[in-house]
Amino acid sequence: CLIHFYKRMCRITLLIVCVLASGKADYDLDEMATSACTVGLGMSVGHNKIGALVAVRRQCNNLAADCDTVCQNSPAFPGINRWSCFDSLHVYKNRPELVKRIGPTSEITPPPGVGKYGPVIHRYGGCHGGCGPNYCCCVGQK
């Protein structure tokens, strides 16, 4: 009876780990989008944008609202009354998975995955709609 209990606990633990890992992949996309929106604040300064910068999820669908509308409809944040769009992105989910890079900064041998690319992000340079952007870059104003 104890063996069945341990086997069941192992299956439940494995299921929880898989769910958490798949959830982390979605958060990873959010983090990449936020980084791309704020990539060098130089990009946003070039757009004359000053304020809080966020990446807002958008459904990639021709019937979904464009990024101007997505940003305008985003909820308020403490100190931010309204959001406006300044760019849009597509963060690709179907990208190669690279092996984790380990070891010291200075490497004697090439790390795994040398010459392979990692995450892919397309910047549109505007607040488009349609099936393209799956994130909107928004700036918040008081």
C-alpha atoms as a PDB file:
ATOM      1  CA  CYS A   1       0.000   0.000   0.000  1.00  0.00           C
ATOM      2  CA  LEU A   2       2.878   2.346   0.816  1.00  0.00           C
ATOM      3  CA  ILE A   3       4.486   1.647  -2.577  1.00  0.00           C
ATOM      4  CA  HIS A   4       1.268   2.654  -4.377  1.00  0.00           C
ATOM      5  CA  PHE A   5       1.179   5.854  -2.332  1.00  0.00           C
ATOM      6  CA  TYR A   6       4.745   6.770  -3.356  1.00  0.00           C
ATOM      7  CA  LYS A   7       4.081   5.967  -7.018  1.00  0.00           C
ATOM      8  CA  ARG A   8       0.987   8.147  -6.955  1.00  0.00           C
ATOM      9  CA  MET A   9       2.888  10.996  -5.258  1.00  0.00           C
ATOM     10  CA  CYS A  10       5.616  10.760  -7.927  1.00  0.00           C
ATOM     11  CA  ARG A  11       3.001  11.038 -10.694  1.00  0.00           C
ATOM     12  CA  ILE A  12       1.360  14.030  -8.997  1.00  0.00           C
ATOM     13  CA  THR A  13       4.756  15.697  -8.481  1.00  0.00           C
ATOM     14  CA  LEU A  14       5.671  15.125 -12.138  1.00  0.00           C
ATOM     15  CA  LEU A  15       2.332  16.600 -13.241  1.00  0.00           C
ATOM     16  CA  ILE A  16       2.859  19.694 -11.068  1.00  0.00           C
ATOM     17  CA  VAL A  17       6.410  20.179 -12.415  1.00  0.00           C
ATOM     18  CA  CYS A  18       5.140  19.901 -16.013  1.00  0.00           C
ATOM     19  CA  VAL A  19       2.368  22.432 -15.369  1.00  0.00           C
ATOM     20  CA  LEU A  20       4.793  24.853 -13.703  1.00  0.00           C
ATOM     21  CA  ALA A  21       7.312  24.441 -16.523  1.00  0.00           C
ATOM     22  CA  SER A  22       4.682  25.122 -19.171  1.00  0.00           C
ATOM     23  CA  GLY A  23       3.497  28.173 -17.218  1.00  0.00           C
ATOM     24  CA  LYS A  24       7.063  29.460 -17.025  1.00  0.00           C
ATOM     25  CA  ALA A  25       7.314  29.286 -20.807  1.00  0.00           C
ATOM     26  CA  ASP A  26       4.403  31.743 -21.083  1.00  0.00           C
ATOM     27  CA  TYR A  27       5.974  34.067 -18.525  1.00  0.00           C
ATOM     28  CA  ASP A  28       9.185  33.845 -20.483  1.00  0.00           C
ATOM     29  CA  LEU A  29       7.354  35.304 -23.498  1.00  0.00           C
ATOM     30  CA  ASP A  30       6.022  38.147 -21.322  1.00  0.00           C
ATOM     31  CA  GLU A  31       9.505  38.923 -20.026  1.00  0.00           C
ATOM     32  CA  MET A  32      10.972  38.870 -23.533  1.00  0.00           C
ATOM     33  CA  ALA A  33       8.229  41.202 -24.787  1.00  0.00           C
ATOM     34  CA  THR A  34       8.751  43.638 -21.919  1.00  0.00           C
ATOM     35  CA  SER A  35      12.491  43.628 -22.556  1.00  0.00           C
ATOM     36  CA  ALA A  36      11.965  44.246 -26.268  1.00  0.00           C
ATOM     37  CA  CYS A  37       9.551  47.124 -25.575  1.00  0.00           C
ATOM     38  CA  THR A  38      12.031  48.769 -23.248  1.00  0.00           C
ATOM     39  CA  VAL A  39      15.146  47.654 -25.151  1.00  0.00           C
ATOM     40  CA  GLY A  40      17.383  50.425 -24.649  1.00  0.00           C
ATOM     41  CA  LEU A  41      15.098  53.067 -23.484  1.00  0.00           C
ATOM     42  CA  GLY A  42      16.814  54.756 -26.416  1.00  0.00           C
ATOM     43  CA  MET A  43      14.139  53.280 -28.658  1.00  0.00           C
ATOM     44  CA  SER A  44      11.332  54.756 -26.577  1.00  0.00           C
ATOM     45  CA  VAL A  45      13.184  58.048 -26.123  1.00  0.00           C
ATOM     46  CA  GLY A  46      13.489  58.104 -29.905  1.00  0.00           C
ATOM     47  CA  HIS A  47       9.708  57.927 -29.979  1.00  0.00           C
ATOM     48  CA  ASN A  48       9.601  60.830 -27.474  1.00  0.00           C
ATOM     49  CA  LYS A  49       7.995  58.499 -24.918  1.00  0.00           C
ATOM     50  CA  ILE A  50       8.606  59.087 -21.228  1.00  0.00           C
ATOM     51  CA  GLY A  51       6.738  57.208 -18.514  1.00  0.00           C
ATOM     52  CA  ALA A  52       6.008  53.643 -17.459  1.00  0.00           C
ATOM     53  CA  LEU A  53       6.573  51.133 -20.262  1.00  0.00           C
ATOM     54  CA  VAL A  54       4.761  47.782 -20.440  1.00  0.00           C
ATOM     55  CA  ALA A  55       4.137  44.937 -22.867  1.00  0.00           C
ATOM     56  CA  VAL A  56       0.448  44.030 -23.037  1.00  0.00           C
ATOM     57  CA  ARG A  57      -0.646  40.660 -24.397  1.00  0.00           C
ATOM     58  CA  ARG A  58      -2.701  40.756 -27.584  1.00  0.00           C
ATOM     59  CA  GLN A  59      -4.473  37.996 -29.435  1.00  0.00           C
ATOM     60  CA  CYS A  60      -2.846  37.467 -32.822  1.00  0.00           C
ATOM     61  CA  ASN A  61      -6.042  37.502 -34.876  1.00  0.00           C
ATOM     62  CA  ASN A  62      -7.462  39.650 -37.677  1.00  0.00           C
ATOM     63  CA  LEU A  63     -10.619  40.214 -35.619  1.00  0.00           C
ATOM     64  CA  ALA A  64      -8.780  41.300 -32.442  1.00  0.00           C
ATOM     65  CA  ALA A  65      -8.429  44.971 -31.504  1.00  0.00           C
ATOM     66  CA  ASP A  66      -5.337  46.766 -32.791  1.00  0.00           C
ATOM     67  CA  CYS A  67      -2.595  47.790 -30.359  1.00  0.00           C
ATOM     68  CA  ASP A  68      -3.846  51.380 -30.047  1.00  0.00           C
ATOM     69  CA  THR A  69      -7.128  50.007 -28.681  1.00  0.00           C
ATOM     70  CA  VAL A  70      -5.451  47.306 -26.564  1.00  0.00           C
ATOM     71  CA  CYS A  71      -3.278  49.893 -24.810  1.00  0.00           C
ATOM     72  CA  GLN A  72      -6.137  52.374 -24.332  1.00  0.00           C
ATOM     73  CA  ASN A  73      -8.273  49.635 -22.753  1.00  0.00           C
ATOM     74  CA  SER A  74      -5.566  48.349 -20.399  1.00  0.00           C
ATOM     75  CA  PRO A  75      -6.333  48.763 -16.690  1.00  0.00           C
ATOM     76  CA  ALA A  76      -4.935  51.651 -14.696  1.00  0.00           C
ATOM     77  CA  PHE A  77      -1.816  51.242 -12.581  1.00  0.00           C
ATOM     78  CA  PRO A  78      -0.973  53.281  -9.456  1.00  0.00           C
ATOM     79  CA  GLY A  79       0.085  56.685 -10.774  1.00  0.00           C
ATOM     80  CA  ILE A  80      -0.859  55.799 -14.368  1.00  0.00           C
ATOM     81  CA  ASN A  81      -4.292  56.860 -15.598  1.00  0.00           C
ATOM     82  CA  ARG A  82      -4.033  55.964 -19.267  1.00  0.00           C
ATOM     83  CA  TRP A  83      -1.901  53.965 -21.645  1.00  0.00           C
ATOM     84  CA  SER A  84      -1.035  54.657 -25.269  1.00  0.00           C
ATOM     85  CA  CYS A  85       0.688  52.456 -27.842  1.00  0.00           C
ATOM     86  CA  PHE A  86       4.098  53.268 -29.285  1.00  0.00           C
ATOM     87  CA  ASP A  87       5.062  49.939 -30.910  1.00  0.00           C
ATOM     88  CA  SER A  88       4.038  46.300 -31.391  1.00  0.00           C
ATOM     89  CA  LEU A  89       5.855  42.972 -31.413  1.00  0.00           C
ATOM     90  CA  HIS A  90       5.506  39.335 -32.266  1.00  0.00           C
ATOM     91  CA  VAL A  91       7.327  37.082 -29.797  1.00  0.00           C
ATOM     92  CA  TYR A  92       7.618  33.686 -31.458  1.00  0.00           C
ATOM     93  CA  LYS A  93       6.709  30.611 -29.442  1.00  0.00           C
ATOM     94  CA  ASN A  94       8.044  28.100 -31.977  1.00  0.00           C
ATOM     95  CA  ARG A  95      11.732  28.770 -31.570  1.00  0.00           C
ATOM     96  CA  PRO A  96      14.647  26.404 -30.975  1.00  0.00           C
ATOM     97  CA  GLU A  97      15.274  25.435 -27.379  1.00  0.00           C
ATOM     98  CA  LEU A  98      18.890  26.006 -26.427  1.00  0.00           C
ATOM     99  CA  VAL A  99      20.695  24.026 -23.748  1.00  0.00           C
ATOM    100  CA  LYS A 100      21.312  26.070 -20.608  1.00  0.00           C
ATOM    101  CA  ARG A 101      24.678  27.812 -20.710  1.00  0.00           C
ATOM    102  CA  ILE A 102      26.721  26.912 -17.650  1.00  0.00           C
ATOM    103  CA  GLY A 103      30.249  27.493 -16.449  1.00  0.00           C
ATOM    104  CA  PRO A 104      32.466  30.548 -16.112  1.00  0.00           C
ATOM    105  CA  THR A 105      32.324  33.637 -18.292  1.00  0.00           C
ATOM    106  CA  SER A 106      35.611  32.704 -19.968  1.00  0.00           C
ATOM    107  CA  GLU A 107      35.143  29.393 -21.801  1.00  0.00           C
ATOM    108  CA  ILE A 108      37.933  27.095 -22.954  1.00  0.00           C
ATOM    109  CA  THR A 109      35.609  24.988 -25.106  1.00  0.00           C
ATOM    110  CA  PRO A 110      32.607  26.186 -27.105  1.00  0.00           C
ATOM    111  CA  PRO A 111      29.342  26.120 -25.130  1.00  0.00           C
ATOM    112  CA  PRO A 112      26.446  23.962 -26.341  1.00  0.00           C
ATOM    113  CA  GLY A 113      24.473  25.587 -29.119  1.00  0.00           C
ATOM    114  CA  VAL A 114      27.242  27.778 -30.563  1.00  0.00           C
ATOM    115  CA  GLY A 115      25.978  29.269 -33.824  1.00  0.00           C
ATOM    116  CA  LYS A 116      22.311  28.585 -33.047  1.00  0.00           C
ATOM    117  CA  TYR A 117      19.838  31.382 -32.415  1.00  0.00           C
ATOM    118  CA  GLY A 118      17.567  31.644 -29.410  1.00  0.00           C
ATOM    119  CA  PRO A 119      14.417  33.728 -28.965  1.00  0.00           C
ATOM    120  CA  VAL A 120      13.014  35.495 -32.031  1.00  0.00           C
ATOM    121  CA  ILE A 121      11.113  38.781 -31.751  1.00  0.00           C
ATOM    122  CA  HIS A 122       9.764  40.827 -34.658  1.00  0.00           C
ATOM    123  CA  ARG A 123       9.330  44.577 -34.080  1.00  0.00           C
ATOM    124  CA  TYR A 124       6.653  46.203 -36.256  1.00  0.00           C
ATOM    125  CA  GLY A 125       7.517  49.856 -35.646  1.00  0.00           C
ATOM    126  CA  GLY A 126       3.899  50.861 -35.120  1.00  0.00           C
ATOM    127  CA  CYS A 127       0.627  49.909 -33.455  1.00  0.00           C
ATOM    128  CA  HIS A 128      -0.758  47.475 -35.999  1.00  0.00           C
ATOM    129  CA  GLY A 129      -3.547  44.978 -35.795  1.00  0.00           C
ATOM    130  CA  GLY A 130      -4.245  41.827 -37.756  1.00  0.00           C
ATOM    131  CA  CYS A 131      -2.472  38.551 -37.253  1.00  0.00           C
ATOM    132  CA  GLY A 132       0.959  39.853 -36.538  1.00  0.00           C
ATOM    133  CA  PRO A 133       1.557  41.465 -33.177  1.00  0.00           C
ATOM    134  CA  ASN A 134       0.940  39.330 -30.111  1.00  0.00           C
ATOM    135  CA  TYR A 135       2.228  42.074 -27.758  1.00  0.00           C
ATOM    136  CA  CYS A 136       1.629  45.811 -27.670  1.00  0.00           C
ATOM    137  CA  CYS A 137       4.228  48.216 -26.276  1.00  0.00           C
ATOM    138  CA  CYS A 138       2.407  50.817 -24.201  1.00  0.00           C
ATOM    139  CA  VAL A 139       3.534  53.907 -22.333  1.00  0.00           C
ATOM    140  CA  GLY A 140       1.647  55.133 -19.291  1.00  0.00           C
ATOM    141  CA  GLN A 141       0.748  58.749 -18.536  1.00  0.00           C
ATOM    142  CA  LYS A 142      -0.629  60.325 -15.368  1.00  0.00           C
END
